[in-house]
Amino acid sequence: LIEEPIEVTPSYRHYSDPTKAFKAHVEPGQVHHQGPPLIRWMMENLNVKENNFLDIMPMKKDKKRKYKIDGCISAILAFKLAVIARKEFHPNLKWVFSINL
């Protein structure tokens, strides 16, 4: 049980590690979802921005267009919370997204 609040602000400091971990599982196909086209569309809209310290942060591919990445951000934050709660990251863990629309 996590007893203290976990700060999450849109910054490199809060997003870099969980985004890297999430990306490391998405690229080899270790992250699965139940097939809704909405998830695939959001994943296609996702890009990452890197700073001079090699920290990354999730961003939309094009800020001017109406791309949405909210589901990706939620998944990345859930990834962060799972890692914090477990205190240990198991590399073979598979994440399954289930969206009931």
C-alpha atoms as a PDB file:
ATOM      1  CA  LEU A   1       0.000   0.000   0.000  1.00  0.00           C
ATOM      2  CA  ILE A   2       1.370   3.393  -0.986  1.00  0.00           C
ATOM      3  CA  GLU A   3       0.690   5.725   1.906  1.00  0.00           C
ATOM      4  CA  GLU A   4       2.122   8.950   0.543  1.00  0.00           C
ATOM      5  CA  PRO A   5       0.865  10.835  -2.503  1.00  0.00           C
ATOM      6  CA  ILE A   6       2.875  10.389  -5.664  1.00  0.00           C
ATOM      7  CA  GLU A   7       3.616  13.605  -7.518  1.00  0.00           C
ATOM      8  CA  VAL A   8       3.070  13.487 -11.254  1.00  0.00           C
ATOM      9  CA  THR A   9       3.534  16.680 -13.205  1.00  0.00           C
ATOM     10  CA  PRO A  10       4.161  16.933 -16.946  1.00  0.00           C
ATOM     11  CA  SER A  11       7.952  17.139 -16.717  1.00  0.00           C
ATOM     12  CA  TYR A  12      10.961  15.161 -17.860  1.00  0.00           C
ATOM     13  CA  ARG A  13      11.716  14.297 -14.235  1.00  0.00           C
ATOM     14  CA  HIS A  14       8.395  12.504 -13.741  1.00  0.00           C
ATOM     15  CA  TYR A  15       7.928  10.972 -17.183  1.00  0.00           C
ATOM     16  CA  SER A  16      11.402   9.914 -18.349  1.00  0.00           C
ATOM     17  CA  ASP A  17      11.945   6.641 -16.467  1.00  0.00           C
ATOM     18  CA  PRO A  18       8.411   5.261 -16.832  1.00  0.00           C
ATOM     19  CA  THR A  19       8.302   6.289 -20.516  1.00  0.00           C
ATOM     20  CA  LYS A  20      11.601   4.503 -21.155  1.00  0.00           C
ATOM     21  CA  ALA A  21      10.324   1.393 -19.355  1.00  0.00           C
ATOM     22  CA  PHE A  22       7.017   1.487 -21.234  1.00  0.00           C
ATOM     23  CA  LYS A  23       8.809   1.992 -24.567  1.00  0.00           C
ATOM     24  CA  ALA A  24      11.159  -0.919 -23.807  1.00  0.00           C
ATOM     25  CA  HIS A  25       8.118  -3.188 -23.490  1.00  0.00           C
ATOM     26  CA  VAL A  26       6.081  -1.788 -26.385  1.00  0.00           C
ATOM     27  CA  GLU A  27       8.779  -2.042 -29.049  1.00  0.00           C
ATOM     28  CA  PRO A  28       9.393  -5.807 -28.732  1.00  0.00           C
ATOM     29  CA  GLY A  29       5.642  -6.459 -28.513  1.00  0.00           C
ATOM     30  CA  GLN A  30       5.412  -7.207 -24.782  1.00  0.00           C
ATOM     31  CA  VAL A  31       2.528  -4.790 -24.274  1.00  0.00           C
ATOM     32  CA  HIS A  32      -0.815  -6.068 -25.508  1.00  0.00           C
ATOM     33  CA  HIS A  33      -4.270  -4.579 -25.685  1.00  0.00           C
ATOM     34  CA  GLN A  34      -7.667  -6.013 -26.371  1.00  0.00           C
ATOM     35  CA  GLY A  35      -7.860  -4.618 -29.901  1.00  0.00           C
ATOM     36  CA  PRO A  36      -9.830  -1.354 -29.741  1.00  0.00           C
ATOM     37  CA  PRO A  37      -8.801   0.849 -32.686  1.00  0.00           C
ATOM     38  CA  LEU A  38      -8.687   3.804 -30.283  1.00  0.00           C
ATOM     39  CA  ILE A  39      -5.621   2.382 -28.494  1.00  0.00           C
ATOM     40  CA  ARG A  40      -3.805   1.747 -31.765  1.00  0.00           C
ATOM     41  CA  TRP A  41      -4.638   5.274 -32.969  1.00  0.00           C
ATOM     42  CA  MET A  42      -3.316   6.856 -29.766  1.00  0.00           C
ATOM     43  CA  MET A  43      -0.120   4.788 -29.921  1.00  0.00           C
ATOM     44  CA  GLU A  44       0.408   5.975 -33.501  1.00  0.00           C
ATOM     45  CA  ASN A  45       0.005   9.582 -32.305  1.00  0.00           C
ATOM     46  CA  LEU A  46       2.653   9.182 -29.598  1.00  0.00           C
ATOM     47  CA  ASN A  47       6.096  10.659 -29.991  1.00  0.00           C
ATOM     48  CA  VAL A  48       8.820  11.343 -27.433  1.00  0.00           C
ATOM     49  CA  LYS A  49      10.858  14.465 -26.922  1.00  0.00           C
ATOM     50  CA  GLU A  50      14.397  14.191 -25.573  1.00  0.00           C
ATOM     51  CA  ASN A  51      16.285  16.851 -23.614  1.00  0.00           C
ATOM     52  CA  ASN A  52      20.038  17.431 -23.352  1.00  0.00           C
ATOM     53  CA  PHE A  53      20.265  14.998 -20.415  1.00  0.00           C
ATOM     54  CA  LEU A  54      18.754  12.143 -22.488  1.00  0.00           C
ATOM     55  CA  ASP A  55      15.531  12.294 -20.499  1.00  0.00           C
ATOM     56  CA  ILE A  56      12.400  11.677 -22.547  1.00  0.00           C
ATOM     57  CA  MET A  57       8.822  12.835 -22.273  1.00  0.00           C
ATOM     58  CA  PRO A  58       5.733  11.666 -24.188  1.00  0.00           C
ATOM     59  CA  MET A  59       4.372  14.194 -26.663  1.00  0.00           C
ATOM     60  CA  LYS A  60       1.877  14.353 -29.498  1.00  0.00           C
ATOM     61  CA  LYS A  61       3.340  13.918 -32.982  1.00  0.00           C
ATOM     62  CA  ASP A  62       1.920  17.260 -34.045  1.00  0.00           C
ATOM     63  CA  LYS A  63       0.593  19.770 -31.503  1.00  0.00           C
ATOM     64  CA  LYS A  64      -1.387  21.649 -34.153  1.00  0.00           C
ATOM     65  CA  ARG A  65      -3.531  18.650 -35.072  1.00  0.00           C
ATOM     66  CA  LYS A  66      -6.120  17.001 -32.874  1.00  0.00           C
ATOM     67  CA  TYR A  67      -4.027  13.971 -32.059  1.00  0.00           C
ATOM     68  CA  LYS A  68      -4.854  12.337 -28.740  1.00  0.00           C
ATOM     69  CA  ILE A  69      -2.423  10.424 -26.524  1.00  0.00           C
ATOM     70  CA  ASP A  70      -4.385  10.413 -23.250  1.00  0.00           C
ATOM     71  CA  GLY A  71      -4.580   6.609 -23.148  1.00  0.00           C
ATOM     72  CA  CYS A  72      -0.815   6.367 -23.623  1.00  0.00           C
ATOM     73  CA  ILE A  73      -0.166   8.863 -20.849  1.00  0.00           C
ATOM     74  CA  SER A  74      -2.494   6.891 -18.564  1.00  0.00           C
ATOM     75  CA  ALA A  75      -0.657   3.668 -19.398  1.00  0.00           C
ATOM     76  CA  ILE A  76       2.743   5.263 -18.750  1.00  0.00           C
ATOM     77  CA  LEU A  77       1.578   6.634 -15.400  1.00  0.00           C
ATOM     78  CA  ALA A  78       0.074   3.261 -14.473  1.00  0.00           C
ATOM     79  CA  PHE A  79       3.428   1.724 -15.355  1.00  0.00           C
ATOM     80  CA  LYS A  80       5.129   4.231 -13.031  1.00  0.00           C
ATOM     81  CA  LEU A  81       2.738   3.469 -10.179  1.00  0.00           C
ATOM     82  CA  ALA A  82       3.135  -0.287 -10.630  1.00  0.00           C
ATOM     83  CA  VAL A  83       6.906   0.011 -10.465  1.00  0.00           C
ATOM     84  CA  ILE A  84       6.733   2.222  -7.373  1.00  0.00           C
ATOM     85  CA  ALA A  85       4.245  -0.080  -5.664  1.00  0.00           C
ATOM     86  CA  ARG A  86       6.238  -3.232  -6.337  1.00  0.00           C
ATOM     87  CA  LYS A  87       9.658  -1.659  -5.628  1.00  0.00           C
ATOM     88  CA  GLU A  88      11.030  -4.133  -8.120  1.00  0.00           C
ATOM     89  CA  PHE A  89      10.490  -4.373 -11.871  1.00  0.00           C
ATOM     90  CA  HIS A  90      10.126  -7.824 -13.382  1.00  0.00           C
ATOM     91  CA  PRO A  91      11.275  -7.741 -17.065  1.00  0.00           C
ATOM     92  CA  ASN A  92       8.936 -10.577 -18.154  1.00  0.00           C
ATOM     93  CA  LEU A  93       5.803  -8.881 -16.874  1.00  0.00           C
ATOM     94  CA  LYS A  94       3.205  -8.411 -19.619  1.00  0.00           C
ATOM     95  CA  TRP A  95       0.811  -5.480 -19.478  1.00  0.00           C
ATOM     96  CA  VAL A  96      -2.700  -5.904 -20.829  1.00  0.00           C
ATOM     97  CA  PHE A  97      -4.907  -2.924 -21.565  1.00  0.00           C
ATOM     98  CA  SER A  98      -8.622  -3.413 -21.348  1.00  0.00           C
ATOM     99  CA  ILE A  99     -10.889  -0.596 -22.416  1.00  0.00           C
ATOM    100  CA  ASN A 100     -14.615  -1.021 -22.162  1.00  0.00           C
ATOM    101  CA  LEU A 101     -16.225   1.407 -24.569  1.00  0.00           C
END
